Structure formats: structure tokens, C-alpha cells
């Protein structure tokens, strides 16, 4: 079980696969994982829910993990 931000008693659902997020090719730190979890909880709170969904985690991931897709010519 994941803790809800501010200890509001939220619960994650069974379909959330956290291994999917940490096994992605983006290298993320423990602090980023914590921020993703907190953002997922805040998404649920903002929608007045007590259950954190996989969509909430996806939004948290997008908000905190920046993928660098820019290829600068001077690096080549």
C-alpha cells in the first residue's frame, strides 16, 4: 500500500503496476519515484477520490520525469 499525501487515507488499486514505472528506460531516482507517488495521490485528492488509479500514476510520471528528446547539432 502506498501512503496518500498528507495522510488522508487514500488507497491504491490492484491494477497499478509500479514495476512498469521503474523499469522504463528513463533513469529516475528514488526522490523522483516518491514525487511520482505523491503526485498520483494528489491527483486522486483533487478529484475527491480515495483510490489512486493507474491513470493518476501516469499523470504523476509525466509531470516529474522529463524525457530529453532534443538532439543538439553541437553534440554530434
PDB file of N, CA and C in Angstrom:
ATOM      1  N   UNK A   1       0.833  -1.185   0.000  1.00  0.00           N
ATOM      2  CA  UNK A   1       0.000   0.000   0.000  1.00  0.00           C
ATOM      3  C   UNK A   1       0.870   1.239   0.000  1.00  0.00           C
ATOM      4  N   UNK A   2       0.462   2.209  -0.763  1.00  0.00           N
ATOM      5  CA  UNK A   2       1.163   3.475  -0.817  1.00  0.00           C
ATOM      6  C   UNK A   2       0.476   4.472   0.091  1.00  0.00           C
ATOM      7  N   UNK A   3       1.261   5.327   0.686  1.00  0.00           N
ATOM      8  CA  UNK A   3       0.689   6.344   1.554  1.00  0.00           C
ATOM      9  C   UNK A   3       0.165   7.497   0.718  1.00  0.00           C
ATOM     10  N   UNK A   4      -0.971   7.999   1.117  1.00  0.00           N
ATOM     11  CA  UNK A   4      -1.555   9.155   0.447  1.00  0.00           C
ATOM     12  C   UNK A   4      -0.878  10.419   0.957  1.00  0.00           C
ATOM     13  N   UNK A   5      -0.725  11.435   0.118  1.00  0.00           N
ATOM     14  CA  UNK A   5      -0.145  12.685   0.595  1.00  0.00           C
ATOM     15  C   UNK A   5      -0.948  13.237   1.774  1.00  0.00           C
ATOM     16  N   UNK A   6      -0.273  13.768   2.714  1.00  0.00           N
ATOM     17  CA  UNK A   6      -0.886  14.370   3.901  1.00  0.00           C
ATOM     18  C   UNK A   6      -1.655  13.361   4.743  1.00  0.00           C
ATOM     19  N   UNK A   7      -1.405  12.077   4.523  1.00  0.00           N
ATOM     20  CA  UNK A   7      -2.020  11.004   5.294  1.00  0.00           C
ATOM     21  C   UNK A   7      -3.542  11.119   5.325  1.00  0.00           C
ATOM     22  N   UNK A   8      -4.159  11.194   4.145  1.00  0.00           N
ATOM     23  CA  UNK A   8      -5.606  11.330   4.039  1.00  0.00           C
ATOM     24  C   UNK A   8      -6.320   9.991   3.931  1.00  0.00           C
ATOM     25  N   UNK A   9      -5.587   8.918   3.961  1.00  0.00           N
ATOM     26  CA  UNK A   9      -6.207   7.609   3.945  1.00  0.00           C
ATOM     27  C   UNK A   9      -6.542   7.087   2.559  1.00  0.00           C
ATOM     28  N   UNK A  10      -5.824   7.503   1.542  1.00  0.00           N
ATOM     29  CA  UNK A  10      -6.057   7.001   0.188  1.00  0.00           C
ATOM     30  C   UNK A  10      -5.498   5.596   0.060  1.00  0.00           C
ATOM     31  N   UNK A  11      -5.994   4.863  -0.912  1.00  0.00           N
ATOM     32  CA  UNK A  11      -5.510   3.514  -1.175  1.00  0.00           C
ATOM     33  C   UNK A  11      -5.265   3.360  -2.664  1.00  0.00           C
ATOM     34  N   UNK A  12      -4.231   2.623  -3.011  1.00  0.00           N
ATOM     35  CA  UNK A  12      -4.001   2.333  -4.429  1.00  0.00           C
ATOM     36  C   UNK A  12      -4.825   1.110  -4.804  1.00  0.00           C
ATOM     37  N   UNK A  13      -5.065   0.960  -6.086  1.00  0.00           N
ATOM     38  CA  UNK A  13      -5.847  -0.173  -6.564  1.00  0.00           C
ATOM     39  C   UNK A  13      -4.905  -1.269  -7.035  1.00  0.00           C
ATOM     40  N   UNK A  14      -5.454  -2.439  -7.258  1.00  0.00           N
ATOM     41  CA  UNK A  14      -4.652  -3.604  -7.612  1.00  0.00           C
ATOM     42  C   UNK A  14      -4.019  -3.487  -8.993  1.00  0.00           C
ATOM     43  N   UNK A  15      -4.620  -2.732  -9.916  1.00  0.00           N
ATOM     44  CA  UNK A  15      -4.113  -2.710 -11.283  1.00  0.00           C
ATOM     45  C   UNK A  15      -2.923  -1.786 -11.489  1.00  0.00           C
ATOM     46  N   UNK A  16      -2.438  -1.141 -10.439  1.00  0.00           N
ATOM     47  CA  UNK A  16      -1.285  -0.258 -10.563  1.00  0.00           C
ATOM     48  C   UNK A  16      -0.016  -1.105 -10.504  1.00  0.00           C
ATOM     49  N   UNK A  17       0.754  -1.072 -11.588  1.00  0.00           N
ATOM     50  CA  UNK A  17       1.989  -1.846 -11.663  1.00  0.00           C
ATOM     51  C   UNK A  17       3.167  -0.887 -11.525  1.00  0.00           C
ATOM     52  N   UNK A  18       3.688  -0.752 -10.325  1.00  0.00           N
ATOM     53  CA  UNK A  18       4.791   0.174 -10.084  1.00  0.00           C
ATOM     54  C   UNK A  18       6.072  -0.281 -10.766  1.00  0.00           C
ATOM     55  N   UNK A  19       6.222  -1.569 -10.989  1.00  0.00           N
ATOM     56  CA  UNK A  19       7.401  -2.076 -11.695  1.00  0.00           C
ATOM     57  C   UNK A  19       7.456  -1.519 -13.116  1.00  0.00           C
ATOM     58  N   UNK A  20       6.310  -1.262 -13.700  1.00  0.00           N
ATOM     59  CA  UNK A  20       6.256  -0.682 -15.039  1.00  0.00           C
ATOM     60  C   UNK A  20       6.916   0.694 -15.065  1.00  0.00           C
ATOM     61  N   UNK A  21       6.723   1.466 -14.028  1.00  0.00           N
ATOM     62  CA  UNK A  21       7.281   2.813 -13.987  1.00  0.00           C
ATOM     63  C   UNK A  21       8.786   2.799 -13.723  1.00  0.00           C
ATOM     64  N   UNK A  22       9.251   1.954 -12.832  1.00  0.00           N
ATOM     65  CA  UNK A  22      10.674   1.954 -12.502  1.00  0.00           C
ATOM     66  C   UNK A  22      11.512   1.195 -13.530  1.00  0.00           C
ATOM     67  N   UNK A  23      10.881   0.372 -14.366  1.00  0.00           N
ATOM     68  CA  UNK A  23      11.636  -0.359 -15.373  1.00  0.00           C
ATOM     69  C   UNK A  23      11.657   0.352 -16.724  1.00  0.00           C
ATOM     70  N   UNK A  24      11.102   1.525 -16.813  1.00  0.00           N
ATOM     71  CA  UNK A  24      11.131   2.294 -18.060  1.00  0.00           C
ATOM     72  C   UNK A  24      12.551   2.753 -18.340  1.00  0.00           C
ATOM     73  N   UNK A  25      12.838   3.079 -19.596  1.00  0.00           N
ATOM     74  CA  UNK A  25      14.226   3.427 -19.945  1.00  0.00           C
ATOM     75  C   UNK A  25      14.726   4.728 -19.318  1.00  0.00           C
ATOM     76  N   UNK A  26      13.825   5.590 -18.879  1.00  0.00           N
ATOM     77  CA  UNK A  26      14.261   6.820 -18.213  1.00  0.00           C
ATOM     78  C   UNK A  26      14.863   6.465 -16.865  1.00  0.00           C
ATOM     79  N   UNK A  27      16.033   6.987 -16.600  1.00  0.00           N
ATOM     80  CA  UNK A  27      16.669   6.723 -15.310  1.00  0.00           C
ATOM     81  C   UNK A  27      16.094   7.693 -14.301  1.00  0.00           C
ATOM     82  N   UNK A  28      15.415   7.148 -13.289  1.00  0.00           N
ATOM     83  CA  UNK A  28      14.809   8.008 -12.278  1.00  0.00           C
ATOM     84  C   UNK A  28      15.347   7.645 -10.904  1.00  0.00           C
ATOM     85  N   UNK A  29      15.419   8.644 -10.062  1.00  0.00           N
ATOM     86  CA  UNK A  29      15.962   8.451  -8.719  1.00  0.00           C
ATOM     87  C   UNK A  29      14.836   8.076  -7.751  1.00  0.00           C
ATOM     88  N   UNK A  30      15.232   7.742  -6.551  1.00  0.00           N
ATOM     89  CA  UNK A  30      14.256   7.447  -5.507  1.00  0.00           C
ATOM     90  C   UNK A  30      13.397   8.661  -5.182  1.00  0.00           C
ATOM     91  N   UNK A  31      14.002   9.838  -5.245  1.00  0.00           N
ATOM     92  CA  UNK A  31      13.241  11.069  -4.988  1.00  0.00           C
ATOM     93  C   UNK A  31      12.188  11.285  -6.063  1.00  0.00           C
ATOM     94  N   UNK A  32      12.528  10.960  -7.311  1.00  0.00           N
ATOM     95  CA  UNK A  32      11.545  11.107  -8.386  1.00  0.00           C
ATOM     96  C   UNK A  32      10.414  10.096  -8.243  1.00  0.00           C
ATOM     97  N   UNK A  33      10.738   8.889  -7.803  1.00  0.00           N
ATOM     98  CA  UNK A  33       9.704   7.883  -7.569  1.00  0.00           C
ATOM     99  C   UNK A  33       8.757   8.360  -6.469  1.00  0.00           C
ATOM    100  N   UNK A  34       9.317   8.923  -5.411  1.00  0.00           N
ATOM    101  CA  UNK A  34       8.488   9.459  -4.324  1.00  0.00           C
ATOM    102  C   UNK A  34       7.614  10.603  -4.827  1.00  0.00           C
ATOM    103  N   UNK A  35       8.163  11.467  -5.683  1.00  0.00           N
ATOM    104  CA  UNK A  35       7.397  12.586  -6.227  1.00  0.00           C
ATOM    105  C   UNK A  35       6.275  12.085  -7.128  1.00  0.00           C
ATOM    106  N   UNK A  36       6.532  11.038  -7.895  1.00  0.00           N
ATOM    107  CA  UNK A  36       5.502  10.451  -8.754  1.00  0.00           C
ATOM    108  C   UNK A  36       4.365   9.904  -7.896  1.00  0.00           C
ATOM    109  N   UNK A  37       4.708   9.203  -6.831  1.00  0.00           N
ATOM    110  CA  UNK A  37       3.689   8.644  -5.938  1.00  0.00           C
ATOM    111  C   UNK A  37       2.887   9.751  -5.266  1.00  0.00           C
ATOM    112  N   UNK A  38       3.566  10.797  -4.836  1.00  0.00           N
ATOM    113  CA  UNK A  38       2.866  11.893  -4.188  1.00  0.00           C
ATOM    114  C   UNK A  38       1.941  12.602  -5.178  1.00  0.00           C
ATOM    115  N   UNK A  39       2.416  12.811  -6.389  1.00  0.00           N
ATOM    116  CA  UNK A  39       1.580  13.458  -7.405  1.00  0.00           C
ATOM    117  C   UNK A  39       0.368  12.601  -7.745  1.00  0.00           C
ATOM    118  N   UNK A  40       0.551  11.287  -7.798  1.00  0.00           N
ATOM    119  CA  UNK A  40      -0.576  10.385  -8.055  1.00  0.00           C
ATOM    120  C   UNK A  40      -1.620  10.521  -6.950  1.00  0.00           C
ATOM    121  N   UNK A  41      -1.162  10.585  -5.721  1.00  0.00           N
ATOM    122  CA  UNK A  41      -2.087  10.780  -4.606  1.00  0.00           C
ATOM    123  C   UNK A  41      -2.801  12.111  -4.677  1.00  0.00           C
ATOM    124  N   UNK A  42      -2.067  13.145  -5.079  1.00  0.00           N
ATOM    125  CA  UNK A  42      -2.677  14.468  -5.188  1.00  0.00           C
ATOM    126  C   UNK A  42      -3.691  14.512  -6.326  1.00  0.00           C
ATOM    127  N   UNK A  43      -3.451  13.769  -7.401  1.00  0.00           N
ATOM    128  CA  UNK A  43      -4.434  13.692  -8.484  1.00  0.00           C
ATOM    129  C   UNK A  43      -5.750  13.109  -7.966  1.00  0.00           C
ATOM    130  N   UNK A  44      -5.652  12.071  -7.150  1.00  0.00           N
ATOM    131  CA  UNK A  44      -6.862  11.471  -6.579  1.00  0.00           C
ATOM    132  C   UNK A  44      -7.564  12.449  -5.640  1.00  0.00           C
ATOM    133  N   UNK A  45      -6.793  13.146  -4.821  1.00  0.00           N
ATOM    134  CA  UNK A  45      -7.378  14.109  -3.879  1.00  0.00           C
ATOM    135  C   UNK A  45      -8.077  15.231  -4.642  1.00  0.00           C
ATOM    136  N   UNK A  46      -7.451  15.710  -5.701  1.00  0.00           N
ATOM    137  CA  UNK A  46      -8.052  16.789  -6.492  1.00  0.00           C
ATOM    138  C   UNK A  46      -9.379  16.376  -7.106  1.00  0.00           C
ATOM    139  N   UNK A  47      -9.518  15.083  -7.394  1.00  0.00           N
ATOM    140  CA  UNK A  47     -10.768  14.590  -7.968  1.00  0.00           C
ATOM    141  C   UNK A  47     -11.694  14.025  -6.892  1.00  0.00           C
ATOM    142  N   UNK A  48     -11.351  14.296  -5.641  1.00  0.00           N
ATOM    143  CA  UNK A  48     -12.180  13.904  -4.496  1.00  0.00           C
ATOM    144  C   UNK A  48     -12.392  12.386  -4.443  1.00  0.00           C
ATOM    145  N   UNK A  49     -11.308  11.624  -4.673  1.00  0.00           N
ATOM    146  CA  UNK A  49     -11.355  10.169  -4.614  1.00  0.00           C
ATOM    147  C   UNK A  49     -10.447   9.668  -3.508  1.00  0.00           C
ATOM    148  N   UNK A  50     -10.748   8.486  -3.021  1.00  0.00           N
ATOM    149  CA  UNK A  50      -9.904   7.842  -2.025  1.00  0.00           C
ATOM    150  C   UNK A  50      -9.085   6.705  -2.618  1.00  0.00           C
ATOM    151  N   UNK A  51      -9.209   6.493  -3.923  1.00  0.00           N
ATOM    152  CA  UNK A  51      -8.488   5.416  -4.602  1.00  0.00           C
ATOM    153  C   UNK A  51      -7.565   6.036  -5.643  1.00  0.00           C
ATOM    154  N   UNK A  52      -6.311   5.635  -5.612  1.00  0.00           N
ATOM    155  CA  UNK A  52      -5.330   6.110  -6.579  1.00  0.00           C
ATOM    156  C   UNK A  52      -5.299   5.121  -7.736  1.00  0.00           C
ATOM    157  N   UNK A  53      -5.506   5.627  -8.943  1.00  0.00           N
ATOM    158  CA  UNK A  53      -5.587   4.759 -10.113  1.00  0.00           C
ATOM    159  C   UNK A  53      -4.279   4.777 -10.907  1.00  0.00           C
ATOM    160  N   UNK A  54      -4.193   3.868 -11.867  1.00  0.00           N
ATOM    161  CA  UNK A  54      -3.025   3.813 -12.747  1.00  0.00           C
ATOM    162  C   UNK A  54      -2.913   5.105 -13.553  1.00  0.00           C
ATOM    163  N   UNK A  55      -4.027   5.690 -13.917  1.00  0.00           N
ATOM    164  CA  UNK A  55      -4.014   6.959 -14.662  1.00  0.00           C
ATOM    165  C   UNK A  55      -3.394   8.070 -13.806  1.00  0.00           C
ATOM    166  N   UNK A  56      -3.661   8.059 -12.512  1.00  0.00           N
ATOM    167  CA  UNK A  56      -3.059   9.054 -11.613  1.00  0.00           C
ATOM    168  C   UNK A  56      -1.537   8.913 -11.597  1.00  0.00           C
ATOM    169  N   UNK A  57      -1.055   7.676 -11.571  1.00  0.00           N
ATOM    170  CA  UNK A  57       0.387   7.445 -11.596  1.00  0.00           C
ATOM    171  C   UNK A  57       0.990   7.885 -12.927  1.00  0.00           C
ATOM    172  N   UNK A  58       0.261   7.661 -14.024  1.00  0.00           N
ATOM    173  CA  UNK A  58       0.750   8.084 -15.331  1.00  0.00           C
ATOM    174  C   UNK A  58       0.873   9.605 -15.383  1.00  0.00           C
ATOM    175  N   UNK A  59      -0.091  10.317 -14.845  1.00  0.00           N
ATOM    176  CA  UNK A  59      -0.023  11.781 -14.812  1.00  0.00           C
ATOM    177  C   UNK A  59       1.136  12.242 -13.936  1.00  0.00           C
ATOM    178  N   UNK A  60       1.355  11.577 -12.823  1.00  0.00           N
ATOM    179  CA  UNK A  60       2.481  11.910 -11.963  1.00  0.00           C
ATOM    180  C   UNK A  60       3.802  11.663 -12.639  1.00  0.00           C
ATOM    181  N   UNK A  61       3.880  10.583 -13.402  1.00  0.00           N
ATOM    182  CA  UNK A  61       5.106  10.264 -14.134  1.00  0.00           C
ATOM    183  C   UNK A  61       5.405  11.336 -15.172  1.00  0.00           C
ATOM    184  N   UNK A  62       4.385  11.720 -15.924  1.00  0.00           N
ATOM    185  CA  UNK A  62       4.572  12.747 -16.946  1.00  0.00           C
ATOM    186  C   UNK A  62       4.944  14.089 -16.338  1.00  0.00           C
ATOM    187  N   UNK A  63       4.428  14.373 -15.158  1.00  0.00           N
ATOM    188  CA  UNK A  63       4.705  15.659 -14.520  1.00  0.00           C
ATOM    189  C   UNK A  63       6.132  15.737 -13.973  1.00  0.00           C
ATOM    190  N   UNK A  64       6.719  14.610 -13.582  1.00  0.00           N
ATOM    191  CA  UNK A  64       8.007  14.652 -12.895  1.00  0.00           C
ATOM    192  C   UNK A  64       9.184  14.081 -13.669  1.00  0.00           C
ATOM    193  N   UNK A  65       8.931  13.310 -14.695  1.00  0.00           N
ATOM    194  CA  UNK A  65      10.028  12.730 -15.461  1.00  0.00           C
ATOM    195  C   UNK A  65      10.051  13.391 -16.828  1.00  0.00           C
ATOM    196  N   UNK A  66      11.104  14.098 -17.066  1.00  0.00           N
ATOM    197  CA  UNK A  66      11.262  14.794 -18.333  1.00  0.00           C
ATOM    198  C   UNK A  66      12.170  13.965 -19.231  1.00  0.00           C
ATOM    199  N   UNK A  67      11.659  13.601 -20.391  1.00  0.00           N
ATOM    200  CA  UNK A  67      12.478  12.865 -21.338  1.00  0.00           C
ATOM    201  C   UNK A  67      13.166  13.862 -22.257  1.00  0.00           C
ATOM    202  N   UNK A  68      14.420  13.659 -22.478  1.00  0.00           N
ATOM    203  CA  UNK A  68      15.206  14.555 -23.304  1.00  0.00           C
ATOM    204  C   UNK A  68      15.229  14.008 -24.725  1.00  0.00           C
ATOM    205  N   UNK A  69      14.375  14.538 -25.573  1.00  0.00           N
ATOM    206  CA  UNK A  69      14.302  14.077 -26.950  1.00  0.00           C
ATOM    207  C   UNK A  69      14.990  15.041 -27.902  1.00  0.00           C
ATOM    208  N   UNK A  70      15.568  16.104 -27.371  1.00  0.00           N
ATOM    209  CA  UNK A  70      16.235  17.087 -28.219  1.00  0.00           C
ATOM    210  C   UNK A  70      17.632  16.593 -28.582  1.00  0.00           C
ATOM    211  N   UNK A  71      17.922  16.594 -29.858  1.00  0.00           N
ATOM    212  CA  UNK A  71      19.266  16.285 -30.327  1.00  0.00           C
ATOM    213  C   UNK A  71      19.886  17.592 -30.808  1.00  0.00           C
ATOM    214  N   UNK A  72      20.883  18.023 -30.107  1.00  0.00           N
ATOM    215  CA  UNK A  72      21.543  19.269 -30.488  1.00  0.00           C
ATOM    216  C   UNK A  72      22.679  18.948 -31.451  1.00  0.00           C
ATOM    217  N   UNK A  73      22.788  19.782 -32.458  1.00  0.00           N
ATOM    218  CA  UNK A  73      23.785  19.557 -33.513  1.00  0.00           C
ATOM    219  C   UNK A  73      25.209  19.627 -32.956  1.00  0.00           C
ATOM    220  N   UNK A  74      25.451  20.447 -31.959  1.00  0.00           N
ATOM    221  CA  UNK A  74      26.819  20.577 -31.467  1.00  0.00           C
ATOM    222  C   UNK A  74      27.276  19.389 -30.644  1.00  0.00           C
ATOM    223  N   UNK A  75      26.392  18.446 -30.322  1.00  0.00           N
ATOM    224  CA  UNK A  75      26.800  17.239 -29.614  1.00  0.00           C
ATOM    225  C   UNK A  75      27.209  16.134 -30.587  1.00  0.00           C
ATOM    226  N   UNK A  76      26.972  16.324 -31.857  1.00  0.00           N
ATOM    227  CA  UNK A  76      27.270  15.271 -32.852  1.00  0.00           C
ATOM    228  C   UNK A  76      28.679  15.378 -33.363  1.00  0.00           C
TER     229      UNK A  76
END
